Amino acid sequence: MFKPINPRVILNSGAALSIQASSTHYCLPQENQGPYTHYELGHPRGLDATDLALLKEYEDREGIYAYVPKKILDKIINSHGGFRVGQLP
């Protein structure tokens, strides 16, 4: 059974990205229920050079970042003032 795709999140700075976690995504655990320690991020918009440098080693293919640790994701979310719309899966 597939878990629905998590809606794209928008951070308080206006930055936006897809944050996914399920049995079909690059996350840990790779299951349909968390808690998750690593996430798949996709197609970020509005992130700065510091954020992109943090994500660089997780880039799987253009625009997709695999197995991003929660601590890195939290750092990015916090640097943009938290969630305006959405939440972690």
N, C-alpha and C. Protein backbone atom coordinates (compact mmCIF):
# COMPACT_ATOMS: atom_id res chain seq x y z
N MET A 1 0.84 -1.18 0.00
CA MET A 1 0.00 0.00 0.00
C MET A 1 0.88 1.24 0.00
N PHE A 2 0.55 2.19 -0.87
CA PHE A 2 1.33 3.41 -0.98
C PHE A 2 0.82 4.47 -0.01
N LYS A 3 1.75 5.18 0.57
CA LYS A 3 1.43 6.31 1.43
C LYS A 3 1.25 7.53 0.53
N PRO A 4 0.24 8.37 0.79
CA PRO A 4 0.07 9.57 -0.03
C PRO A 4 1.30 10.48 0.03
N ILE A 5 1.54 11.18 -1.05
CA ILE A 5 2.64 12.15 -1.12
C ILE A 5 2.36 13.30 -0.15
N ASN A 6 3.36 13.67 0.60
CA ASN A 6 3.24 14.80 1.51
C ASN A 6 3.21 16.09 0.68
N PRO A 7 2.27 16.99 0.95
CA PRO A 7 2.23 18.25 0.19
C PRO A 7 3.53 19.05 0.34
N ARG A 8 3.87 19.79 -0.67
CA ARG A 8 5.06 20.66 -0.65
C ARG A 8 4.95 21.62 0.53
N VAL A 9 6.06 21.82 1.24
CA VAL A 9 6.06 22.74 2.38
C VAL A 9 6.59 24.10 1.95
N ILE A 10 6.10 25.11 2.62
CA ILE A 10 6.58 26.48 2.43
C ILE A 10 7.07 26.96 3.79
N LEU A 11 8.29 27.45 3.81
CA LEU A 11 8.88 27.96 5.05
C LEU A 11 8.55 29.44 5.20
N ASN A 12 8.73 29.95 6.39
CA ASN A 12 8.38 31.35 6.66
C ASN A 12 9.16 32.35 5.82
N SER A 13 10.31 31.96 5.31
CA SER A 13 11.10 32.83 4.44
C SER A 13 10.55 32.86 3.01
N GLY A 14 9.63 31.94 2.71
CA GLY A 14 9.13 31.79 1.36
C GLY A 14 9.78 30.64 0.61
N ALA A 15 10.86 30.08 1.15
CA ALA A 15 11.48 28.90 0.54
C ALA A 15 10.48 27.76 0.55
N ALA A 16 10.57 26.88 -0.46
CA ALA A 16 9.65 25.76 -0.56
C ALA A 16 10.40 24.51 -1.00
N LEU A 17 9.93 23.35 -0.54
CA LEU A 17 10.53 22.09 -0.93
C LEU A 17 9.59 20.94 -0.64
N SER A 18 9.85 19.84 -1.29
CA SER A 18 9.13 18.61 -1.05
C SER A 18 9.91 17.83 0.00
N ILE A 19 9.22 17.37 1.04
CA ILE A 19 9.84 16.54 2.08
C ILE A 19 9.01 15.27 2.15
N GLN A 20 9.64 14.15 1.77
CA GLN A 20 8.92 12.89 1.70
C GLN A 20 9.58 11.81 2.55
N ALA A 21 8.75 10.87 3.01
CA ALA A 21 9.23 9.70 3.74
C ALA A 21 8.16 8.61 3.64
N SER A 22 8.54 7.48 3.09
CA SER A 22 7.64 6.33 2.98
C SER A 22 8.46 5.13 2.50
N SER A 23 7.79 4.04 2.27
CA SER A 23 8.47 2.83 1.78
C SER A 23 9.01 3.01 0.37
N THR A 24 8.57 4.05 -0.34
CA THR A 24 9.02 4.27 -1.72
C THR A 24 9.94 5.49 -1.87
N HIS A 25 10.40 6.05 -0.75
CA HIS A 25 11.27 7.22 -0.80
C HIS A 25 12.64 6.92 -0.18
N TYR A 26 13.59 7.81 -0.47
CA TYR A 26 14.94 7.71 0.09
C TYR A 26 14.94 8.26 1.51
N CYS A 27 14.49 7.44 2.45
CA CYS A 27 14.38 7.86 3.85
C CYS A 27 14.74 6.69 4.76
N LEU A 28 14.87 6.97 6.05
CA LEU A 28 15.09 5.93 7.04
C LEU A 28 14.18 6.19 8.23
N PRO A 29 13.47 5.21 8.73
CA PRO A 29 13.33 3.90 8.12
C PRO A 29 12.54 4.02 6.82
N GLN A 30 12.77 3.11 5.92
CA GLN A 30 12.08 3.14 4.63
C GLN A 30 10.76 2.37 4.79
N GLU A 31 9.88 2.98 5.56
CA GLU A 31 8.58 2.41 5.90
C GLU A 31 7.53 3.50 5.79
N ASN A 32 6.28 3.12 5.87
CA ASN A 32 5.20 4.09 5.75
C ASN A 32 4.86 4.80 7.06
N GLN A 33 5.52 4.42 8.14
CA GLN A 33 5.32 5.11 9.42
C GLN A 33 6.66 5.41 10.05
N GLY A 34 6.75 6.60 10.65
CA GLY A 34 7.97 7.01 11.34
C GLY A 34 7.92 6.57 12.78
N PRO A 35 8.72 7.18 13.59
CA PRO A 35 9.45 8.41 13.31
C PRO A 35 10.61 8.17 12.35
N TYR A 36 10.90 9.21 11.57
CA TYR A 36 11.95 9.12 10.57
C TYR A 36 13.21 9.84 11.06
N THR A 37 14.35 9.29 10.69
CA THR A 37 15.64 9.90 11.03
C THR A 37 16.27 10.57 9.81
N HIS A 38 15.84 10.17 8.60
CA HIS A 38 16.36 10.70 7.34
C HIS A 38 15.20 10.86 6.36
N TYR A 39 15.27 11.89 5.52
CA TYR A 39 14.18 12.23 4.61
C TYR A 39 14.67 12.38 3.18
N GLU A 40 13.73 12.27 2.25
CA GLU A 40 13.99 12.61 0.86
C GLU A 40 13.48 14.02 0.62
N LEU A 41 14.35 14.89 0.10
CA LEU A 41 13.96 16.26 -0.23
C LEU A 41 13.97 16.41 -1.74
N GLY A 42 13.04 17.22 -2.22
CA GLY A 42 12.98 17.40 -3.66
C GLY A 42 12.71 18.82 -4.08
N HIS A 43 13.36 19.22 -5.14
CA HIS A 43 13.13 20.47 -5.86
C HIS A 43 12.98 21.69 -4.95
N PRO A 44 14.01 21.95 -4.13
CA PRO A 44 13.95 23.13 -3.27
C PRO A 44 13.98 24.42 -4.06
N ARG A 45 13.24 25.39 -3.60
CA ARG A 45 13.23 26.74 -4.19
C ARG A 45 13.44 27.74 -3.05
N GLY A 46 14.33 28.70 -3.28
CA GLY A 46 14.54 29.75 -2.30
C GLY A 46 15.52 29.42 -1.20
N LEU A 47 16.25 28.32 -1.33
CA LEU A 47 17.29 28.02 -0.35
C LEU A 47 18.54 28.80 -0.71
N ASP A 48 19.32 29.17 0.31
CA ASP A 48 20.53 29.94 0.05
C ASP A 48 21.73 29.01 -0.14
N ALA A 49 22.87 29.59 -0.42
CA ALA A 49 24.09 28.83 -0.69
C ALA A 49 24.50 27.97 0.50
N THR A 50 24.28 28.46 1.72
CA THR A 50 24.60 27.68 2.92
C THR A 50 23.76 26.42 2.99
N ASP A 51 22.45 26.56 2.73
CA ASP A 51 21.54 25.41 2.74
C ASP A 51 21.96 24.39 1.68
N LEU A 52 22.23 24.87 0.48
CA LEU A 52 22.59 23.98 -0.61
C LEU A 52 23.92 23.27 -0.34
N ALA A 53 24.84 23.95 0.34
CA ALA A 53 26.10 23.31 0.72
C ALA A 53 25.85 22.18 1.72
N LEU A 54 24.91 22.38 2.65
CA LEU A 54 24.56 21.33 3.60
C LEU A 54 23.97 20.11 2.90
N LEU A 55 23.25 20.35 1.82
CA LEU A 55 22.57 19.26 1.10
C LEU A 55 23.43 18.59 0.05
N LYS A 56 24.52 19.21 -0.38
CA LYS A 56 25.31 18.76 -1.52
C LYS A 56 25.65 17.27 -1.47
N GLU A 57 26.12 16.79 -0.33
CA GLU A 57 26.56 15.39 -0.27
C GLU A 57 25.40 14.39 -0.37
N TYR A 58 24.17 14.88 -0.25
CA TYR A 58 23.00 14.00 -0.32
C TYR A 58 22.31 14.02 -1.68
N GLU A 59 22.86 14.81 -2.61
CA GLU A 59 22.23 14.94 -3.91
C GLU A 59 22.32 13.61 -4.67
N ASP A 60 21.16 13.06 -5.01
CA ASP A 60 21.08 11.80 -5.73
C ASP A 60 21.06 12.06 -7.23
N ARG A 61 20.26 12.99 -7.62
CA ARG A 61 20.20 13.47 -9.00
C ARG A 61 19.69 14.90 -8.92
N GLU A 62 19.74 15.59 -10.00
CA GLU A 62 19.40 17.01 -9.96
C GLU A 62 18.05 17.25 -9.31
N GLY A 63 18.09 17.99 -8.23
CA GLY A 63 16.87 18.38 -7.54
C GLY A 63 16.35 17.40 -6.51
N ILE A 64 16.97 16.21 -6.39
CA ILE A 64 16.53 15.21 -5.41
C ILE A 64 17.67 14.92 -4.45
N TYR A 65 17.37 14.99 -3.17
CA TYR A 65 18.37 14.76 -2.12
C TYR A 65 17.92 13.56 -1.29
N ALA A 66 18.76 12.54 -1.22
CA ALA A 66 18.41 11.26 -0.60
C ALA A 66 19.00 11.13 0.80
N TYR A 67 18.21 10.55 1.69
CA TYR A 67 18.65 10.22 3.04
C TYR A 67 19.25 11.41 3.79
N VAL A 68 18.56 12.54 3.73
CA VAL A 68 19.01 13.74 4.43
C VAL A 68 18.70 13.57 5.92
N PRO A 69 19.72 13.64 6.78
CA PRO A 69 19.47 13.48 8.22
C PRO A 69 18.53 14.56 8.76
N LYS A 70 17.72 14.16 9.71
CA LYS A 70 16.76 15.09 10.32
C LYS A 70 17.47 16.32 10.89
N LYS A 71 18.66 16.16 11.46
CA LYS A 71 19.36 17.30 12.06
C LYS A 71 19.71 18.35 10.99
N ILE A 72 20.04 17.91 9.78
CA ILE A 72 20.33 18.84 8.67
C ILE A 72 19.04 19.53 8.24
N LEU A 73 17.98 18.76 8.08
CA LEU A 73 16.69 19.31 7.70
C LEU A 73 16.20 20.31 8.74
N ASP A 74 16.31 19.96 10.01
CA ASP A 74 15.89 20.87 11.08
C ASP A 74 16.68 22.18 11.03
N LYS A 75 17.97 22.10 10.75
CA LYS A 75 18.80 23.29 10.66
C LYS A 75 18.31 24.21 9.54
N ILE A 76 17.98 23.62 8.39
CA ILE A 76 17.48 24.41 7.26
C ILE A 76 16.12 25.02 7.60
N ILE A 77 15.22 24.22 8.14
CA ILE A 77 13.88 24.71 8.51
C ILE A 77 14.00 25.86 9.51
N ASN A 78 14.81 25.69 10.53
CA ASN A 78 14.96 26.73 11.55
C ASN A 78 15.59 28.00 11.00
N SER A 79 16.54 27.86 10.06
CA SER A 79 17.19 29.04 9.49
C SER A 79 16.22 29.86 8.64
N HIS A 80 15.10 29.25 8.24
CA HIS A 80 14.08 29.93 7.45
C HIS A 80 12.85 30.26 8.28
N GLY A 81 12.97 30.17 9.60
CA GLY A 81 11.89 30.60 10.49
C GLY A 81 10.77 29.60 10.69
N GLY A 82 11.00 28.33 10.34
CA GLY A 82 9.99 27.30 10.53
C GLY A 82 9.01 27.21 9.38
N PHE A 83 7.97 26.43 9.60
CA PHE A 83 6.97 26.17 8.58
C PHE A 83 5.92 27.28 8.52
N ARG A 84 5.62 27.75 7.32
CA ARG A 84 4.47 28.61 7.09
C ARG A 84 3.29 27.71 6.72
N VAL A 85 3.56 26.77 5.82
CA VAL A 85 2.56 25.80 5.38
C VAL A 85 3.21 24.42 5.35
N GLY A 86 2.58 23.43 5.95
CA GLY A 86 3.05 22.06 5.90
C GLY A 86 3.75 21.61 7.16
N GLN A 87 4.26 20.40 7.08
CA GLN A 87 4.92 19.77 8.22
C GLN A 87 5.74 18.59 7.73
N LEU A 88 6.56 18.02 8.62
CA LEU A 88 7.31 16.82 8.29
C LEU A 88 6.37 15.64 8.20
N PRO A 89 6.68 14.69 7.32
CA PRO A 89 5.86 13.47 7.26
C PRO A 89 5.99 12.67 8.55
